[in-house]
Protein backbone atom coordinates (compact mmCIF):
# COMPACT_ATOMS: atom_id res chain seq x y z
CA MET A 1 -113.57 -70.87 -46.39
CA PRO A 2 -115.10 -67.43 -46.74
CA ASN A 3 -117.41 -66.90 -49.68
CA LYS A 4 -115.38 -64.04 -51.11
CA PRO A 5 -111.63 -64.51 -51.72
CA ILE A 6 -109.50 -62.53 -49.31
CA GLU A 7 -107.38 -60.03 -51.21
CA HIS A 8 -106.96 -56.98 -48.97
CA ILE A 9 -105.71 -57.27 -45.39
CA VAL A 10 -105.78 -54.19 -43.16
CA VAL A 11 -103.74 -54.11 -39.95
CA LEU A 12 -104.19 -51.64 -37.08
CA SER A 13 -101.07 -51.59 -34.92
CA GLY A 14 -100.32 -49.93 -31.61
CA ALA A 15 -97.55 -49.47 -29.08
CA GLY A 16 -97.39 -53.17 -28.22
CA ILE A 17 -95.73 -54.05 -31.51
CA SER A 18 -93.01 -51.41 -31.05
CA ALA A 19 -92.48 -52.33 -27.39
CA GLU A 20 -91.07 -55.66 -28.47
CA SER A 21 -88.35 -53.85 -30.36
CA GLY A 22 -87.44 -52.09 -27.12
CA LEU A 23 -89.45 -48.87 -27.30
CA SER A 24 -91.31 -47.82 -24.16
CA THR A 25 -95.06 -47.18 -24.29
CA PHE A 26 -97.58 -44.78 -22.77
CA ARG A 27 -99.36 -47.74 -21.17
CA ASP A 28 -96.29 -48.77 -19.20
CA SER A 29 -95.16 -45.29 -18.28
CA GLY A 30 -97.59 -44.38 -15.50
CA GLY A 31 -97.78 -40.83 -16.84
CA LEU A 32 -94.01 -40.34 -16.86
CA TRP A 33 -91.93 -41.22 -19.88
CA GLU A 34 -88.15 -40.87 -19.72
CA GLY A 35 -88.74 -38.50 -16.79
CA PHE A 36 -91.17 -36.30 -18.73
CA ASP A 37 -94.84 -35.73 -17.89
CA ILE A 38 -96.77 -36.92 -20.94
CA ASN A 39 -99.31 -34.10 -20.66
CA GLU A 40 -96.52 -31.54 -20.84
CA VAL A 41 -94.70 -32.95 -23.85
CA ALA A 42 -97.49 -34.54 -25.91
CA SER A 43 -100.00 -31.71 -26.05
CA ILE A 44 -100.28 -28.52 -28.06
CA GLU A 45 -100.58 -26.63 -24.77
CA GLY A 46 -97.27 -28.09 -23.64
CA TRP A 47 -95.63 -26.93 -26.86
CA TYR A 48 -96.76 -23.36 -26.38
CA ARG A 49 -95.70 -23.48 -22.73
CA ASN A 50 -92.20 -24.87 -23.20
CA ARG A 51 -91.01 -25.62 -26.74
CA GLU A 52 -87.50 -26.57 -25.64
CA LYS A 53 -88.76 -29.23 -23.24
CA VAL A 54 -90.98 -30.76 -25.92
CA LEU A 55 -88.12 -30.79 -28.42
CA ASP A 56 -85.82 -32.46 -25.87
CA PHE A 57 -88.37 -35.22 -25.31
CA TYR A 58 -88.87 -35.97 -29.00
CA ASN A 59 -85.14 -35.77 -29.69
CA ILE A 60 -84.68 -38.58 -27.15
CA ARG A 61 -87.50 -40.62 -28.67
CA ARG A 62 -86.18 -40.09 -32.21
CA LYS A 63 -82.74 -41.36 -31.23
CA GLN A 64 -84.24 -44.36 -29.42
CA ALA A 65 -86.37 -45.30 -32.44
CA ALA A 66 -83.35 -45.09 -34.75
CA ASP A 67 -81.36 -47.41 -32.50
CA VAL A 68 -83.83 -50.33 -32.46
CA GLU A 69 -84.68 -52.86 -35.12
CA PRO A 70 -87.94 -54.28 -36.52
CA ASN A 71 -89.03 -57.42 -34.71
CA PRO A 72 -90.59 -60.64 -36.07
CA ALA A 73 -94.07 -59.06 -36.03
CA HIS A 74 -93.05 -56.23 -38.36
CA LYS A 75 -91.29 -58.64 -40.70
CA ALA A 76 -94.22 -61.07 -40.72
CA LEU A 77 -96.66 -58.33 -41.75
CA ALA A 78 -94.35 -57.51 -44.65
CA ASP A 79 -94.30 -61.20 -45.62
CA LEU A 80 -98.08 -61.07 -46.09
CA GLU A 81 -97.50 -58.89 -49.15
CA LYS A 82 -96.32 -62.02 -50.98
CA GLU A 83 -99.96 -63.10 -51.26
CA TYR A 84 -102.15 -60.11 -50.34
CA GLN A 85 -102.57 -56.39 -50.63
CA VAL A 86 -101.68 -55.21 -47.12
CA THR A 87 -102.39 -51.82 -45.57
CA VAL A 88 -100.84 -51.12 -42.18
CA ILE A 89 -102.50 -48.37 -40.15
CA THR A 90 -100.34 -47.56 -37.16
CA GLN A 91 -100.73 -45.41 -34.08
CA ASN A 92 -96.95 -45.51 -33.69
CA VAL A 93 -94.66 -42.68 -34.76
CA ASP A 94 -91.58 -44.84 -35.40
CA ASP A 95 -90.72 -46.22 -38.84
CA LEU A 96 -90.31 -49.87 -37.83
CA HIS A 97 -93.09 -51.04 -40.17
CA GLU A 98 -91.35 -49.47 -43.16
CA ARG A 99 -87.97 -50.79 -42.10
CA GLY A 100 -89.55 -54.20 -41.60
CA GLY A 101 -90.61 -54.20 -45.26
CA SER A 102 -94.23 -53.03 -45.32
CA SER A 103 -94.94 -50.90 -48.39
CA GLU A 104 -98.22 -49.18 -47.46
CA VAL A 105 -98.16 -47.66 -43.98
CA ILE A 106 -100.59 -44.99 -42.78
CA HIS A 107 -99.31 -43.12 -39.71
CA LEU A 108 -102.27 -41.79 -37.75
CA HIS A 109 -100.14 -39.89 -35.25
CA GLY A 110 -97.35 -38.67 -37.49
CA LYS A 111 -93.69 -39.65 -37.85
CA LEU A 112 -90.73 -39.11 -35.55
CA ARG A 113 -88.33 -38.83 -38.47
CA GLU A 114 -90.20 -35.82 -39.83
CA ALA A 115 -90.38 -32.20 -38.69
CA ARG A 116 -92.94 -29.66 -39.80
CA SER A 117 -93.65 -25.97 -39.78
CA GLU A 118 -95.08 -24.63 -36.54
CA ASP A 119 -97.76 -22.83 -38.57
CA ASP A 120 -98.41 -25.04 -41.62
CA PRO A 121 -98.84 -28.82 -41.14
CA ASP A 122 -98.25 -29.37 -44.87
CA VAL A 123 -94.69 -28.00 -44.76
CA ILE A 124 -92.77 -31.15 -43.80
CA VAL A 125 -89.05 -31.91 -43.67
CA ASP A 126 -87.49 -35.39 -43.39
CA ILE A 127 -84.84 -35.13 -40.65
CA GLY A 128 -84.03 -38.80 -40.09
CA ASP A 129 -82.63 -39.25 -36.59
CA LYS A 130 -81.35 -35.69 -36.24
CA PRO A 131 -82.45 -33.50 -33.29
CA ILE A 132 -84.56 -30.36 -33.61
CA SER A 133 -83.37 -27.26 -31.76
CA ILE A 134 -84.90 -23.91 -30.94
CA GLY A 135 -84.13 -21.67 -33.92
CA ASP A 136 -84.27 -24.45 -36.53
CA GLU A 137 -86.51 -23.12 -39.28
CA ALA A 138 -88.95 -24.78 -41.64
CA PRO A 139 -88.88 -23.72 -45.33
CA ASP A 140 -91.57 -21.13 -44.52
CA GLY A 141 -89.37 -19.51 -41.88
CA THR A 142 -91.25 -20.72 -38.80
CA GLN A 143 -89.89 -22.84 -35.97
CA LEU A 144 -89.63 -26.54 -36.79
CA ARG A 145 -91.62 -28.88 -34.53
CA PRO A 146 -92.05 -32.64 -34.51
CA ASN A 147 -94.47 -33.90 -37.16
CA VAL A 148 -96.55 -35.77 -34.61
CA VAL A 149 -100.18 -35.42 -33.60
CA TRP A 150 -100.51 -34.22 -30.02
CA PHE A 151 -103.44 -34.29 -27.63
CA GLY A 152 -105.71 -31.43 -28.65
CA GLU A 153 -104.88 -31.70 -32.36
CA PRO A 154 -106.90 -33.27 -35.21
CA VAL A 155 -105.87 -36.62 -36.73
CA PRO A 156 -105.64 -35.77 -40.43
CA MET A 157 -105.17 -39.35 -41.70
CA ILE A 158 -108.20 -40.81 -39.90
CA SER A 159 -110.61 -40.51 -42.85
CA ILE A 160 -108.17 -42.23 -45.22
CA ALA A 161 -107.63 -44.96 -42.62
CA ALA A 162 -111.39 -45.46 -42.27
CA GLU A 163 -111.69 -45.87 -46.05
CA ARG A 164 -108.99 -48.56 -46.01
CA VAL A 165 -110.66 -50.42 -43.14
CA SER A 166 -114.01 -50.34 -44.91
CA SER A 167 -112.45 -52.04 -47.94
CA ALA A 168 -110.71 -54.80 -45.97
CA ASP A 169 -111.47 -58.47 -46.58
CA LEU A 170 -109.65 -59.32 -43.34
CA PHE A 171 -108.87 -57.03 -40.40
CA MET A 172 -106.10 -57.52 -37.87
CA VAL A 173 -105.51 -55.53 -34.67
CA VAL A 174 -102.06 -55.87 -33.09
CA GLY A 175 -100.65 -54.50 -29.85
CA THR A 176 -103.19 -51.81 -29.02
CA SER A 177 -105.53 -51.37 -26.07
CA LEU A 178 -108.11 -49.69 -28.36
CA ALA A 179 -108.50 -47.03 -25.68
CA VAL A 180 -107.32 -44.06 -27.76
CA TYR A 181 -109.79 -42.37 -30.10
CA PRO A 182 -110.32 -41.75 -32.93
CA ALA A 183 -108.05 -44.71 -33.81
CA ALA A 184 -110.08 -47.15 -31.69
CA GLY A 185 -113.20 -46.24 -33.64
CA LEU A 186 -111.73 -47.73 -36.82
CA THR A 187 -112.97 -51.14 -35.71
CA ASP A 188 -116.50 -49.90 -36.46
CA TYR A 189 -115.75 -49.46 -40.18
CA THR A 190 -115.23 -53.12 -41.06
CA LYS A 191 -117.58 -54.82 -43.49
CA PRO A 192 -119.96 -57.29 -41.82
CA ASP A 193 -118.86 -60.92 -41.56
CA ILE A 194 -115.21 -60.45 -42.50
CA LYS A 195 -112.50 -62.27 -40.55
CA LYS A 196 -111.18 -60.19 -37.64
CA TYR A 197 -108.13 -61.09 -35.57
CA LEU A 198 -106.94 -59.49 -32.35
CA ILE A 199 -103.37 -60.16 -31.22
CA ASP A 200 -102.64 -58.83 -27.75
CA PRO A 201 -101.77 -60.54 -24.45
CA GLY A 202 -104.23 -58.27 -22.66
CA THR A 203 -107.91 -57.60 -23.23
CA PRO A 204 -108.36 -54.48 -25.39
CA GLU A 205 -111.37 -52.25 -24.81
CA LEU A 206 -113.65 -53.57 -27.52
CA PHE A 207 -117.37 -52.91 -27.17
CA SER A 208 -118.01 -56.49 -28.26
CA PHE A 209 -115.73 -59.42 -29.02
CA ASP A 210 -118.38 -61.08 -31.19
CA GLY A 211 -116.81 -62.14 -34.48
CA TRP A 212 -113.24 -61.63 -33.26
CA ASN A 213 -110.53 -64.29 -33.01
CA HIS A 214 -108.48 -63.20 -29.99
CA MET A 215 -104.92 -64.52 -29.84
CA LYS A 216 -103.67 -63.71 -26.34
CA GLU A 217 -100.04 -63.52 -27.36
CA SER A 218 -97.38 -60.92 -27.85
CA ALA A 219 -97.09 -59.38 -31.29
CA ALA A 220 -93.69 -60.97 -31.96
CA SER A 221 -95.17 -64.39 -31.23
CA GLY A 222 -98.74 -64.11 -32.54
CA VAL A 223 -98.24 -62.21 -35.79
CA PRO A 224 -95.78 -64.71 -37.33
CA LYS A 225 -98.12 -67.57 -36.37
CA LEU A 226 -101.12 -65.88 -37.97
CA THR A 227 -99.09 -64.86 -41.01
CA LYS A 228 -98.08 -68.46 -41.61
CA LYS A 229 -101.74 -69.52 -41.51
CA LEU A 230 -102.83 -66.73 -43.83
CA LEU A 231 -100.08 -67.47 -46.35
CA ASN A 232 -101.45 -71.03 -46.39
CA ARG A 233 -104.96 -69.61 -46.90
CA ASP A 234 -106.00 -71.04 -43.53
CA TYR A 235 -108.56 -68.62 -42.11
CA GLU A 236 -109.81 -70.69 -39.17
C-alpha cells in the first residue's frame, strides 16, 4: 500500500482509446486520412491555403465521431469516479469520454463538436454534429473554423493539464504513443514515487520506463481490468 491514500487519479488518453470505438488514427493512416493529406488539413497553413478542403475533412470526422459509441475503456474510466476524483486529459477531439460518463475532461487539442471564430479563439459555438460551410459566421462576424488545435498553433490547455498531472496521486496513460508534444511532456510533471500505469499494446516513446507498470493490452481490455483493481484499492 502506498503511504499516502490515493484520492486523485489523472488519465492521459490518446487515439488508441478512440480507435476501439471505430475512429481511425493518425498512427494508422500513413499520412493519408480519409483520402486527405494530414499536413494539408491539420495545419494552420493548410487552412489559409484551402479553407473548404479543411472544412470538408473535419465535417467528415465530426459525422464519424457522432456515429460511434463509447467503448468499455471510456465507461471504465467513468466508473473510477465512484471512489476517486478523476481528471481525464485527452489528446482526442471527440466527446467519447464525456458520453462515456467522465465528468472532468480536458481536451488538449480542442473539440470536434465546437466551432470558433477564425480570428478569436475565445469565441466558440457548440455545433454538435453539424457541418461547417464557407460563409458560416461566428458571433463576431468572421468565418467559423473547427475548434481544434492544428500543427503550428499553441496548445492553450497544456498549463492547466500540467497542474492536474502534478497533483495526481496516481497517473494512467492510455492509448498514446507519447510521440506528440507538448502532450507527451506531461509525464514529466508527476510527483515522485506515485503509481504510474501505461496501457498500450505497443511500446510508447517514454524516456524511461522506470516506475511504470506497463499493461501491453488494448484500452478496451486493459482499462476495465485496471479499474476493477483500483476500485478494490489494489495498487499492485
